[in-house]
mmCIF file of all heavy atoms, coordinates in Angstrom:
data_MODEL
# 
_entry.id   MODEL 
# 
loop_
_atom_site.group_PDB 
_atom_site.id 
_atom_site.type_symbol 
_atom_site.label_atom_id 
_atom_site.label_alt_id 
_atom_site.label_comp_id 
_atom_site.label_asym_id 
_atom_site.label_entity_id 
_atom_site.label_seq_id 
_atom_site.pdbx_PDB_ins_code 
_atom_site.Cartn_x 
_atom_site.Cartn_y 
_atom_site.Cartn_z 
_atom_site.occupancy 
_atom_site.B_iso_or_equiv 
_atom_site.pdbx_formal_charge 
_atom_site.auth_seq_id 
_atom_site.auth_comp_id 
_atom_site.auth_asym_id 
_atom_site.auth_atom_id 
_atom_site.pdbx_PDB_model_num 
ATOM 1   N N   . VAL A 1 1  ? 7.623   -7.787  -2.395  1.00 0.00 ? 1  VAL A N   1 
ATOM 2   C CA  . VAL A 1 1  ? 6.520   -7.070  -3.014  1.00 0.00 ? 1  VAL A CA  1 
ATOM 3   C C   . VAL A 1 1  ? 6.917   -5.597  -3.100  1.00 0.00 ? 1  VAL A C   1 
ATOM 4   O O   . VAL A 1 1  ? 7.580   -5.079  -2.193  1.00 0.00 ? 1  VAL A O   1 
ATOM 5   C CB  . VAL A 1 1  ? 5.232   -7.231  -2.199  1.00 0.00 ? 1  VAL A CB  1 
ATOM 6   C CG1 . VAL A 1 1  ? 4.119   -6.361  -2.744  1.00 0.00 ? 1  VAL A CG1 1 
ATOM 7   C CG2 . VAL A 1 1  ? 4.799   -8.684  -2.195  1.00 0.00 ? 1  VAL A CG2 1 
ATOM 8   N N   . TYR A 1 2  ? 6.500   -4.969  -4.178  1.00 0.00 ? 2  TYR A N   1 
ATOM 9   C CA  . TYR A 1 2  ? 6.865   -3.574  -4.413  1.00 0.00 ? 2  TYR A CA  1 
ATOM 10  C C   . TYR A 1 2  ? 5.626   -2.695  -4.526  1.00 0.00 ? 2  TYR A C   1 
ATOM 11  O O   . TYR A 1 2  ? 4.548   -3.159  -4.914  1.00 0.00 ? 2  TYR A O   1 
ATOM 12  C CB  . TYR A 1 2  ? 7.673   -3.452  -5.703  1.00 0.00 ? 2  TYR A CB  1 
ATOM 13  C CG  . TYR A 1 2  ? 8.896   -4.321  -5.746  1.00 0.00 ? 2  TYR A CG  1 
ATOM 14  C CD1 . TYR A 1 2  ? 8.867   -5.553  -6.394  1.00 0.00 ? 2  TYR A CD1 1 
ATOM 15  C CD2 . TYR A 1 2  ? 10.080  -3.917  -5.141  1.00 0.00 ? 2  TYR A CD2 1 
ATOM 16  C CE1 . TYR A 1 2  ? 9.985   -6.360  -6.435  1.00 0.00 ? 2  TYR A CE1 1 
ATOM 17  C CE2 . TYR A 1 2  ? 11.204  -4.727  -5.168  1.00 0.00 ? 2  TYR A CE2 1 
ATOM 18  C CZ  . TYR A 1 2  ? 11.152  -5.941  -5.820  1.00 0.00 ? 2  TYR A CZ  1 
ATOM 19  O OH  . TYR A 1 2  ? 12.259  -6.743  -5.857  1.00 0.00 ? 2  TYR A OH  1 
ATOM 20  N N   . LEU A 1 3  ? 5.802   -1.438  -4.213  1.00 0.00 ? 3  LEU A N   1 
ATOM 21  C CA  . LEU A 1 3  ? 4.773   -0.439  -4.479  1.00 0.00 ? 3  LEU A CA  1 
ATOM 22  C C   . LEU A 1 3  ? 5.458   0.711   -5.217  1.00 0.00 ? 3  LEU A C   1 
ATOM 23  O O   . LEU A 1 3  ? 6.232   1.466   -4.619  1.00 0.00 ? 3  LEU A O   1 
ATOM 24  C CB  . LEU A 1 3  ? 4.124   0.071   -3.191  1.00 0.00 ? 3  LEU A CB  1 
ATOM 25  C CG  . LEU A 1 3  ? 2.978   1.057   -3.407  1.00 0.00 ? 3  LEU A CG  1 
ATOM 26  C CD1 . LEU A 1 3  ? 1.772   0.345   -4.051  1.00 0.00 ? 3  LEU A CD1 1 
ATOM 27  C CD2 . LEU A 1 3  ? 2.545   1.702   -2.087  1.00 0.00 ? 3  LEU A CD2 1 
ATOM 28  N N   . GLN A 1 4  ? 5.209   0.791   -6.506  1.00 0.00 ? 4  GLN A N   1 
ATOM 29  C CA  . GLN A 1 4  ? 5.733   1.889   -7.299  1.00 0.00 ? 4  GLN A CA  1 
ATOM 30  C C   . GLN A 1 4  ? 4.771   3.051   -7.195  1.00 0.00 ? 4  GLN A C   1 
ATOM 31  O O   . GLN A 1 4  ? 3.594   2.913   -7.520  1.00 0.00 ? 4  GLN A O   1 
ATOM 32  C CB  . GLN A 1 4  ? 5.895   1.466   -8.762  1.00 0.00 ? 4  GLN A CB  1 
ATOM 33  C CG  . GLN A 1 4  ? 6.392   2.566   -9.678  1.00 0.00 ? 4  GLN A CG  1 
ATOM 34  C CD  . GLN A 1 4  ? 7.813   2.991   -9.368  1.00 0.00 ? 4  GLN A CD  1 
ATOM 35  O OE1 . GLN A 1 4  ? 8.682   2.156   -9.143  1.00 0.00 ? 4  GLN A OE1 1 
ATOM 36  N NE2 . GLN A 1 4  ? 8.051   4.299   -9.360  1.00 0.00 ? 4  GLN A NE2 1 
ATOM 37  N N   . MET A 1 5  ? 5.272   4.189   -6.757  1.00 0.00 ? 5  MET A N   1 
ATOM 38  C CA  . MET A 1 5  ? 4.429   5.357   -6.534  1.00 0.00 ? 5  MET A CA  1 
ATOM 39  C C   . MET A 1 5  ? 4.907   6.483   -7.447  1.00 0.00 ? 5  MET A C   1 
ATOM 40  O O   . MET A 1 5  ? 6.040   6.943   -7.331  1.00 0.00 ? 5  MET A O   1 
ATOM 41  C CB  . MET A 1 5  ? 4.503   5.797   -5.068  1.00 0.00 ? 5  MET A CB  1 
ATOM 42  C CG  . MET A 1 5  ? 4.164   4.695   -4.087  1.00 0.00 ? 5  MET A CG  1 
ATOM 43  S SD  . MET A 1 5  ? 4.106   5.248   -2.371  1.00 0.00 ? 5  MET A SD  1 
ATOM 44  C CE  . MET A 1 5  ? 5.820   5.688   -2.115  1.00 0.00 ? 5  MET A CE  1 
ATOM 45  N N   . ASN A 1 6  ? 4.046   6.869   -8.355  1.00 0.00 ? 6  ASN A N   1 
ATOM 46  C CA  . ASN A 1 6  ? 4.352   7.948   -9.302  1.00 0.00 ? 6  ASN A CA  1 
ATOM 47  C C   . ASN A 1 6  ? 3.416   9.120   -9.065  1.00 0.00 ? 6  ASN A C   1 
ATOM 48  O O   . ASN A 1 6  ? 2.383   8.997   -8.413  1.00 0.00 ? 6  ASN A O   1 
ATOM 49  C CB  . ASN A 1 6  ? 4.205   7.447   -10.731 1.00 0.00 ? 6  ASN A CB  1 
ATOM 50  C CG  . ASN A 1 6  ? 5.155   6.309   -11.059 1.00 0.00 ? 6  ASN A CG  1 
ATOM 51  O OD1 . ASN A 1 6  ? 6.276   6.228   -10.555 1.00 0.00 ? 6  ASN A OD1 1 
ATOM 52  N ND2 . ASN A 1 6  ? 4.692   5.395   -11.913 1.00 0.00 ? 6  ASN A ND2 1 
ATOM 53  N N   . SER A 1 7  ? 3.792   10.260  -9.616  1.00 0.00 ? 7  SER A N   1 
ATOM 54  C CA  . SER A 1 7  ? 2.968   11.474  -9.513  1.00 0.00 ? 7  SER A CA  1 
ATOM 55  C C   . SER A 1 7  ? 2.550   11.718  -8.073  1.00 0.00 ? 7  SER A C   1 
ATOM 56  O O   . SER A 1 7  ? 1.375   11.974  -7.780  1.00 0.00 ? 7  SER A O   1 
ATOM 57  C CB  . SER A 1 7  ? 1.734   11.346  -10.415 1.00 0.00 ? 7  SER A CB  1 
ATOM 58  O OG  . SER A 1 7  ? 2.114   11.138  -11.764 1.00 0.00 ? 7  SER A OG  1 
ATOM 59  N N   . LEU A 1 8  ? 3.505   11.648  -7.182  1.00 0.00 ? 8  LEU A N   1 
ATOM 60  C CA  . LEU A 1 8  ? 3.202   11.773  -5.759  1.00 0.00 ? 8  LEU A CA  1 
ATOM 61  C C   . LEU A 1 8  ? 2.673   13.153  -5.417  1.00 0.00 ? 8  LEU A C   1 
ATOM 62  O O   . LEU A 1 8  ? 3.071   14.167  -6.009  1.00 0.00 ? 8  LEU A O   1 
ATOM 63  C CB  . LEU A 1 8  ? 4.444   11.455  -4.934  1.00 0.00 ? 8  LEU A CB  1 
ATOM 64  C CG  . LEU A 1 8  ? 4.745   9.958   -4.806  1.00 0.00 ? 8  LEU A CG  1 
ATOM 65  C CD1 . LEU A 1 8  ? 6.185   9.712   -4.399  1.00 0.00 ? 8  LEU A CD1 1 
ATOM 66  C CD2 . LEU A 1 8  ? 3.789   9.309   -3.815  1.00 0.00 ? 8  LEU A CD2 1 
ATOM 67  N N   . LYS A 1 9  ? 1.768   13.159  -4.443  1.00 0.00 ? 9  LYS A N   1 
ATOM 68  C CA  . LYS A 1 9  ? 1.130   14.391  -3.984  1.00 0.00 ? 9  LYS A CA  1 
ATOM 69  C C   . LYS A 1 9  ? 1.427   14.568  -2.491  1.00 0.00 ? 9  LYS A C   1 
ATOM 70  O O   . LYS A 1 9  ? 1.667   13.586  -1.779  1.00 0.00 ? 9  LYS A O   1 
ATOM 71  C CB  . LYS A 1 9  ? -0.379  14.298  -4.189  1.00 0.00 ? 9  LYS A CB  1 
ATOM 72  C CG  . LYS A 1 9  ? -0.807  13.998  -5.608  1.00 0.00 ? 9  LYS A CG  1 
ATOM 73  C CD  . LYS A 1 9  ? -2.320  13.814  -5.680  1.00 0.00 ? 9  LYS A CD  1 
ATOM 74  C CE  . LYS A 1 9  ? -2.779  13.496  -7.093  1.00 0.00 ? 9  LYS A CE  1 
ATOM 75  N NZ  . LYS A 1 9  ? -4.249  13.313  -7.174  1.00 0.00 ? 9  LYS A NZ  1 
ATOM 76  N N   . PRO A 1 10 ? 1.365   15.790  -1.998  1.00 0.00 ? 10 PRO A N   1 
ATOM 77  C CA  . PRO A 1 10 ? 1.591   15.995  -0.555  1.00 0.00 ? 10 PRO A CA  1 
ATOM 78  C C   . PRO A 1 10 ? 0.650   15.151  0.306   1.00 0.00 ? 10 PRO A C   1 
ATOM 79  O O   . PRO A 1 10 ? 1.060   14.708  1.393   1.00 0.00 ? 10 PRO A O   1 
ATOM 80  C CB  . PRO A 1 10 ? 1.327   17.496  -0.388  1.00 0.00 ? 10 PRO A CB  1 
ATOM 81  C CG  . PRO A 1 10 ? 1.699   18.086  -1.702  1.00 0.00 ? 10 PRO A CG  1 
ATOM 82  C CD  . PRO A 1 10 ? 1.267   17.070  -2.723  1.00 0.00 ? 10 PRO A CD  1 
ATOM 83  N N   . GLU A 1 11 ? -0.546  14.909  -0.166  1.00 0.00 ? 11 GLU A N   1 
ATOM 84  C CA  . GLU A 1 11 ? -1.488  14.106  0.619   1.00 0.00 ? 11 GLU A CA  1 
ATOM 85  C C   . GLU A 1 11 ? -1.126  12.627  0.663   1.00 0.00 ? 11 GLU A C   1 
ATOM 86  O O   . GLU A 1 11 ? -1.769  11.859  1.380   1.00 0.00 ? 11 GLU A O   1 
ATOM 87  C CB  . GLU A 1 11 ? -2.923  14.279  0.100   1.00 0.00 ? 11 GLU A CB  1 
ATOM 88  C CG  . GLU A 1 11 ? -3.088  14.090  -1.388  1.00 0.00 ? 11 GLU A CG  1 
ATOM 89  C CD  . GLU A 1 11 ? -3.074  15.401  -2.157  1.00 0.00 ? 11 GLU A CD  1 
ATOM 90  O OE1 . GLU A 1 11 ? -2.221  16.273  -1.847  1.00 0.00 ? 11 GLU A OE1 1 
ATOM 91  O OE2 . GLU A 1 11 ? -3.918  15.551  -3.067  1.00 0.00 ? 11 GLU A OE2 1 
ATOM 92  N N   . ASP A 1 12 ? -0.112  12.230  -0.073  1.00 0.00 ? 12 ASP A N   1 
ATOM 93  C CA  . ASP A 1 12 ? 0.387   10.857  0.026   1.00 0.00 ? 12 ASP A CA  1 
ATOM 94  C C   . ASP A 1 12 ? 1.353   10.687  1.195   1.00 0.00 ? 12 ASP A C   1 
ATOM 95  O O   . ASP A 1 12 ? 1.784   9.564   1.492   1.00 0.00 ? 12 ASP A O   1 
ATOM 96  C CB  . ASP A 1 12 ? 1.099   10.446  -1.266  1.00 0.00 ? 12 ASP A CB  1 
ATOM 97  C CG  . ASP A 1 12 ? 0.169   10.367  -2.461  1.00 0.00 ? 12 ASP A CG  1 
ATOM 98  O OD1 . ASP A 1 12 ? -0.959  9.853   -2.301  1.00 0.00 ? 12 ASP A OD1 1 
ATOM 99  O OD2 . ASP A 1 12 ? 0.572   10.813  -3.553  1.00 0.00 ? 12 ASP A OD2 1 
ATOM 100 N N   . THR A 1 13 ? 1.691   11.775  1.843   1.00 0.00 ? 13 THR A N   1 
ATOM 101 C CA  . THR A 1 13 ? 2.607   11.725  2.975   1.00 0.00 ? 13 THR A CA  1 
ATOM 102 C C   . THR A 1 13 ? 2.017   10.877  4.101   1.00 0.00 ? 13 THR A C   1 
ATOM 103 O O   . THR A 1 13 ? 0.896   11.119  4.545   1.00 0.00 ? 13 THR A O   1 
ATOM 104 C CB  . THR A 1 13 ? 2.904   13.139  3.496   1.00 0.00 ? 13 THR A CB  1 
ATOM 105 O OG1 . THR A 1 13 ? 3.606   13.872  2.490   1.00 0.00 ? 13 THR A OG1 1 
ATOM 106 C CG2 . THR A 1 13 ? 3.745   13.092  4.764   1.00 0.00 ? 13 THR A CG2 1 
ATOM 107 N N   . ALA A 1 14 ? 2.771   9.872   4.519   1.00 0.00 ? 14 ALA A N   1 
ATOM 108 C CA  . ALA A 1 14 ? 2.302   8.943   5.555   1.00 0.00 ? 14 ALA A CA  1 
ATOM 109 C C   . ALA A 1 14 ? 3.404   7.930   5.842   1.00 0.00 ? 14 ALA A C   1 
ATOM 110 O O   . ALA A 1 14 ? 4.405   7.864   5.117   1.00 0.00 ? 14 ALA A O   1 
ATOM 111 C CB  . ALA A 1 14 ? 1.048   8.212   5.098   1.00 0.00 ? 14 ALA A CB  1 
ATOM 112 N N   . VAL A 1 15 ? 3.188   7.153   6.870   1.00 0.00 ? 15 VAL A N   1 
ATOM 113 C CA  . VAL A 1 15 ? 3.989   5.955   7.081   1.00 0.00 ? 15 VAL A CA  1 
ATOM 114 C C   . VAL A 1 15 ? 3.300   4.822   6.327   1.00 0.00 ? 15 VAL A C   1 
ATOM 115 O O   . VAL A 1 15 ? 2.103   4.603   6.501   1.00 0.00 ? 15 VAL A O   1 
ATOM 116 C CB  . VAL A 1 15 ? 4.115   5.608   8.571   1.00 0.00 ? 15 VAL A CB  1 
ATOM 117 C CG1 . VAL A 1 15 ? 4.892   4.306   8.742   1.00 0.00 ? 15 VAL A CG1 1 
ATOM 118 C CG2 . VAL A 1 15 ? 4.783   6.736   9.328   1.00 0.00 ? 15 VAL A CG2 1 
ATOM 119 N N   . TYR A 1 16 ? 4.067   4.145   5.505   1.00 0.00 ? 16 TYR A N   1 
ATOM 120 C CA  . TYR A 1 16 ? 3.535   3.069   4.686   1.00 0.00 ? 16 TYR A CA  1 
ATOM 121 C C   . TYR A 1 16 ? 3.929   1.725   5.285   1.00 0.00 ? 16 TYR A C   1 
ATOM 122 O O   . TYR A 1 16 ? 5.097   1.501   5.619   1.00 0.00 ? 16 TYR A O   1 
ATOM 123 C CB  . TYR A 1 16 ? 4.052   3.184   3.262   1.00 0.00 ? 16 TYR A CB  1 
ATOM 124 C CG  . TYR A 1 16 ? 3.360   4.270   2.473   1.00 0.00 ? 16 TYR A CG  1 
ATOM 125 C CD1 . TYR A 1 16 ? 3.552   5.614   2.767   1.00 0.00 ? 16 TYR A CD1 1 
ATOM 126 C CD2 . TYR A 1 16 ? 2.480   3.945   1.442   1.00 0.00 ? 16 TYR A CD2 1 
ATOM 127 C CE1 . TYR A 1 16 ? 2.905   6.616   2.062   1.00 0.00 ? 16 TYR A CE1 1 
ATOM 128 C CE2 . TYR A 1 16 ? 1.823   4.938   0.724   1.00 0.00 ? 16 TYR A CE2 1 
ATOM 129 C CZ  . TYR A 1 16 ? 2.045   6.269   1.040   1.00 0.00 ? 16 TYR A CZ  1 
ATOM 130 O OH  . TYR A 1 16 ? 1.396   7.248   0.336   1.00 0.00 ? 16 TYR A OH  1 
ATOM 131 N N   . PHE A 1 17 ? 2.945   0.845   5.381   1.00 0.00 ? 17 PHE A N   1 
ATOM 132 C CA  . PHE A 1 17 ? 3.140   -0.475  5.945   1.00 0.00 ? 17 PHE A CA  1 
ATOM 133 C C   . PHE A 1 17 ? 2.804   -1.535  4.912   1.00 0.00 ? 17 PHE A C   1 
ATOM 134 O O   . PHE A 1 17 ? 1.821   -1.398  4.177   1.00 0.00 ? 17 PHE A O   1 
ATOM 135 C CB  . PHE A 1 17 ? 2.223   -0.692  7.151   1.00 0.00 ? 17 PHE A CB  1 
ATOM 136 C CG  . PHE A 1 17 ? 2.431   0.255   8.291   1.00 0.00 ? 17 PHE A CG  1 
ATOM 137 C CD1 . PHE A 1 17 ? 1.766   1.465   8.329   1.00 0.00 ? 17 PHE A CD1 1 
ATOM 138 C CD2 . PHE A 1 17 ? 3.291   -0.072  9.331   1.00 0.00 ? 17 PHE A CD2 1 
ATOM 139 C CE1 . PHE A 1 17 ? 1.950   2.358   9.383   1.00 0.00 ? 17 PHE A CE1 1 
ATOM 140 C CE2 . PHE A 1 17 ? 3.485   0.801   10.391  1.00 0.00 ? 17 PHE A CE2 1 
ATOM 141 C CZ  . PHE A 1 17 ? 2.816   2.018   10.417  1.00 0.00 ? 17 PHE A CZ  1 
ATOM 142 N N   . CYS A 1 18 ? 3.588   -2.590  4.890   1.00 0.00 ? 18 CYS A N   1 
ATOM 143 C CA  . CYS A 1 18 ? 3.198   -3.741  4.087   1.00 0.00 ? 18 CYS A CA  1 
ATOM 144 C C   . CYS A 1 18 ? 2.616   -4.799  5.017   1.00 0.00 ? 18 CYS A C   1 
ATOM 145 O O   . CYS A 1 18 ? 2.955   -4.857  6.203   1.00 0.00 ? 18 CYS A O   1 
ATOM 146 C CB  . CYS A 1 18 ? 4.367   -4.303  3.283   1.00 0.00 ? 18 CYS A CB  1 
ATOM 147 S SG  . CYS A 1 18 ? 5.732   -4.974  4.250   1.00 0.00 ? 18 CYS A SG  1 
ATOM 148 N N   . ALA A 1 19 ? 1.749   -5.606  4.454   1.00 0.00 ? 19 ALA A N   1 
ATOM 149 C CA  . ALA A 1 19 ? 1.049   -6.605  5.243   1.00 0.00 ? 19 ALA A CA  1 
ATOM 150 C C   . ALA A 1 19 ? 0.783   -7.836  4.406   1.00 0.00 ? 19 ALA A C   1 
ATOM 151 O O   . ALA A 1 19 ? 0.647   -7.748  3.182   1.00 0.00 ? 19 ALA A O   1 
ATOM 152 C CB  . ALA A 1 19 ? -0.271  -6.034  5.768   1.00 0.00 ? 19 ALA A CB  1 
ATOM 153 N N   . GLY A 1 20 ? 0.700   -8.976  5.079   1.00 0.00 ? 20 GLY A N   1 
ATOM 154 C CA  . GLY A 1 20 ? 0.404   -10.225 4.401   1.00 0.00 ? 20 GLY A CA  1 
ATOM 155 C C   . GLY A 1 20 ? -0.695  -10.977 5.103   1.00 0.00 ? 20 GLY A C   1 
ATOM 156 O O   . GLY A 1 20 ? -0.819  -10.918 6.330   1.00 0.00 ? 20 GLY A O   1 
ATOM 157 N N   . GLY A 1 21 ? -1.494  -11.665 4.337   1.00 0.00 ? 21 GLY A N   1 
ATOM 158 C CA  . GLY A 1 21 ? -2.566  -12.453 4.921   1.00 0.00 ? 21 GLY A CA  1 
ATOM 159 C C   . GLY A 1 21 ? -2.872  -13.639 4.039   1.00 0.00 ? 21 GLY A C   1 
ATOM 160 O O   . GLY A 1 21 ? -2.680  -13.582 2.818   1.00 0.00 ? 21 GLY A O   1 
ATOM 161 N N   . ARG A 1 22 ? -3.342  -14.687 4.659   1.00 0.00 ? 22 ARG A N   1 
ATOM 162 C CA  . ARG A 1 22 ? -3.645  -15.900 3.903   1.00 0.00 ? 22 ARG A CA  1 
ATOM 163 C C   . ARG A 1 22 ? -5.146  -16.153 3.909   1.00 0.00 ? 22 ARG A C   1 
ATOM 164 O O   . ARG A 1 22 ? -5.833  -15.916 4.892   1.00 0.00 ? 22 ARG A O   1 
ATOM 165 C CB  . ARG A 1 22 ? -2.917  -17.095 4.504   1.00 0.00 ? 22 ARG A CB  1 
ATOM 166 C CG  . ARG A 1 22 ? -1.403  -16.913 4.591   1.00 0.00 ? 22 ARG A CG  1 
ATOM 167 C CD  . ARG A 1 22 ? -0.708  -18.234 4.757   1.00 0.00 ? 22 ARG A CD  1 
ATOM 168 N NE  . ARG A 1 22 ? -0.684  -18.973 3.509   1.00 0.00 ? 22 ARG A NE  1 
ATOM 169 C CZ  . ARG A 1 22 ? -0.306  -20.254 3.425   1.00 0.00 ? 22 ARG A CZ  1 
ATOM 170 N NH1 . ARG A 1 22 ? 0.023   -20.910 4.513   1.00 0.00 ? 22 ARG A NH1 1 
ATOM 171 N NH2 . ARG A 1 22 ? -0.290  -20.864 2.268   1.00 0.00 ? 22 ARG A NH2 1 
ATOM 172 N N   . ARG A 1 23 ? -5.614  -16.600 2.767   1.00 0.00 ? 23 ARG A N   1 
ATOM 173 C CA  . ARG A 1 23 ? -7.008  -17.039 2.609   1.00 0.00 ? 23 ARG A CA  1 
ATOM 174 C C   . ARG A 1 23 ? -7.998  -15.919 2.923   1.00 0.00 ? 23 ARG A C   1 
ATOM 175 O O   . ARG A 1 23 ? -9.064  -16.172 3.495   1.00 0.00 ? 23 ARG A O   1 
ATOM 176 C CB  . ARG A 1 23 ? -7.283  -18.274 3.468   1.00 0.00 ? 23 ARG A CB  1 
ATOM 177 C CG  . ARG A 1 23 ? -6.337  -19.433 3.151   1.00 0.00 ? 23 ARG A CG  1 
ATOM 178 C CD  . ARG A 1 23 ? -6.658  -20.679 3.969   1.00 0.00 ? 23 ARG A CD  1 
ATOM 179 N NE  . ARG A 1 23 ? -5.691  -21.739 3.723   1.00 0.00 ? 23 ARG A NE  1 
ATOM 180 C CZ  . ARG A 1 23 ? -4.591  -21.909 4.432   1.00 0.00 ? 23 ARG A CZ  1 
ATOM 181 N NH1 . ARG A 1 23 ? -4.315  -21.089 5.433   1.00 0.00 ? 23 ARG A NH1 1 
ATOM 182 N NH2 . ARG A 1 23 ? -3.752  -22.889 4.153   1.00 0.00 ? 23 ARG A NH2 1 
ATOM 183 N N   . LEU A 1 24 ? -7.654  -14.706 2.550   1.00 0.00 ? 24 LEU A N   1 
ATOM 184 C CA  . LEU A 1 24 ? -8.588  -13.606 2.719   1.00 0.00 ? 24 LEU A CA  1 
ATOM 185 C C   . LEU A 1 24 ? -9.657  -13.675 1.644   1.00 0.00 ? 24 LEU A C   1 
ATOM 186 O O   . LEU A 1 24 ? -9.367  -13.963 0.481   1.00 0.00 ? 24 LEU A O   1 
ATOM 187 C CB  . LEU A 1 24 ? -7.863  -12.269 2.615   1.00 0.00 ? 24 LEU A CB  1 
ATOM 188 C CG  . LEU A 1 24 ? -7.252  -11.693 3.901   1.00 0.00 ? 24 LEU A CG  1 
ATOM 189 C CD1 . LEU A 1 24 ? -6.166  -12.600 4.460   1.00 0.00 ? 24 LEU A CD1 1 
ATOM 190 C CD2 . LEU A 1 24 ? -6.720  -10.296 3.666   1.00 0.00 ? 24 LEU A CD2 1 
ATOM 191 N N   . ILE A 1 25 ? -10.883 -13.383 2.025   1.00 0.00 ? 25 ILE A N   1 
ATOM 192 C CA  . ILE A 1 25 ? -11.929 -13.314 1.030   1.00 0.00 ? 25 ILE A CA  1 
ATOM 193 C C   . ILE A 1 25 ? -11.900 -11.927 0.388   1.00 0.00 ? 25 ILE A C   1 
ATOM 194 O O   . ILE A 1 25 ? -11.378 -10.968 0.970   1.00 0.00 ? 25 ILE A O   1 
ATOM 195 C CB  . ILE A 1 25 ? -13.316 -13.619 1.638   1.00 0.00 ? 25 ILE A CB  1 
ATOM 196 C CG1 . ILE A 1 25 ? -13.645 -12.625 2.757   1.00 0.00 ? 25 ILE A CG1 1 
ATOM 197 C CG2 . ILE A 1 25 ? -13.347 -15.057 2.170   1.00 0.00 ? 25 ILE A CG2 1 
ATOM 198 C CD1 . ILE A 1 25 ? -15.050 -12.812 3.328   1.00 0.00 ? 25 ILE A CD1 1 
ATOM 199 N N   . THR A 1 26 ? -12.474 -11.843 -0.784  1.00 0.00 ? 26 THR A N   1 
ATOM 200 C CA  . THR A 1 26 ? -12.380 -10.611 -1.564  1.00 0.00 ? 26 THR A CA  1 
ATOM 201 C C   . THR A 1 26 ? -12.878 -9.406  -0.792  1.00 0.00 ? 26 THR A C   1 
ATOM 202 O O   . THR A 1 26 ? -12.263 -8.331  -0.817  1.00 0.00 ? 26 THR A O   1 
ATOM 203 C CB  . THR A 1 26 ? -13.154 -10.757 -2.883  1.00 0.00 ? 26 THR A CB  1 
ATOM 204 O OG1 . THR A 1 26 ? -12.624 -11.874 -3.606  1.00 0.00 ? 26 THR A OG1 1 
ATOM 205 C CG2 . THR A 1 26 ? -13.017 -9.498  -3.726  1.00 0.00 ? 26 THR A CG2 1 
ATOM 206 N N   . SER A 1 27 ? -13.970 -9.560  -0.089  1.00 0.00 ? 27 SER A N   1 
ATOM 207 C CA  . SER A 1 27 ? -14.571 -8.427  0.617   1.00 0.00 ? 27 SER A CA  1 
ATOM 208 C C   . SER A 1 27 ? -13.716 -7.928  1.775   1.00 0.00 ? 27 SER A C   1 
ATOM 209 O O   . SER A 1 27 ? -13.956 -6.843  2.307   1.00 0.00 ? 27 SER A O   1 
ATOM 210 C CB  . SER A 1 27 ? -15.958 -8.803  1.130   1.00 0.00 ? 27 SER A CB  1 
ATOM 211 O OG  . SER A 1 27 ? -15.870 -9.892  2.016   1.00 0.00 ? 27 SER A OG  1 
# 
């Protein structure tokens, strides 16, 4: 899975984590 990040801002600075889950409801 990819996350394309454009027009980055200083407030986007963070540690980014990917996560997976099964059978999650929309909410």
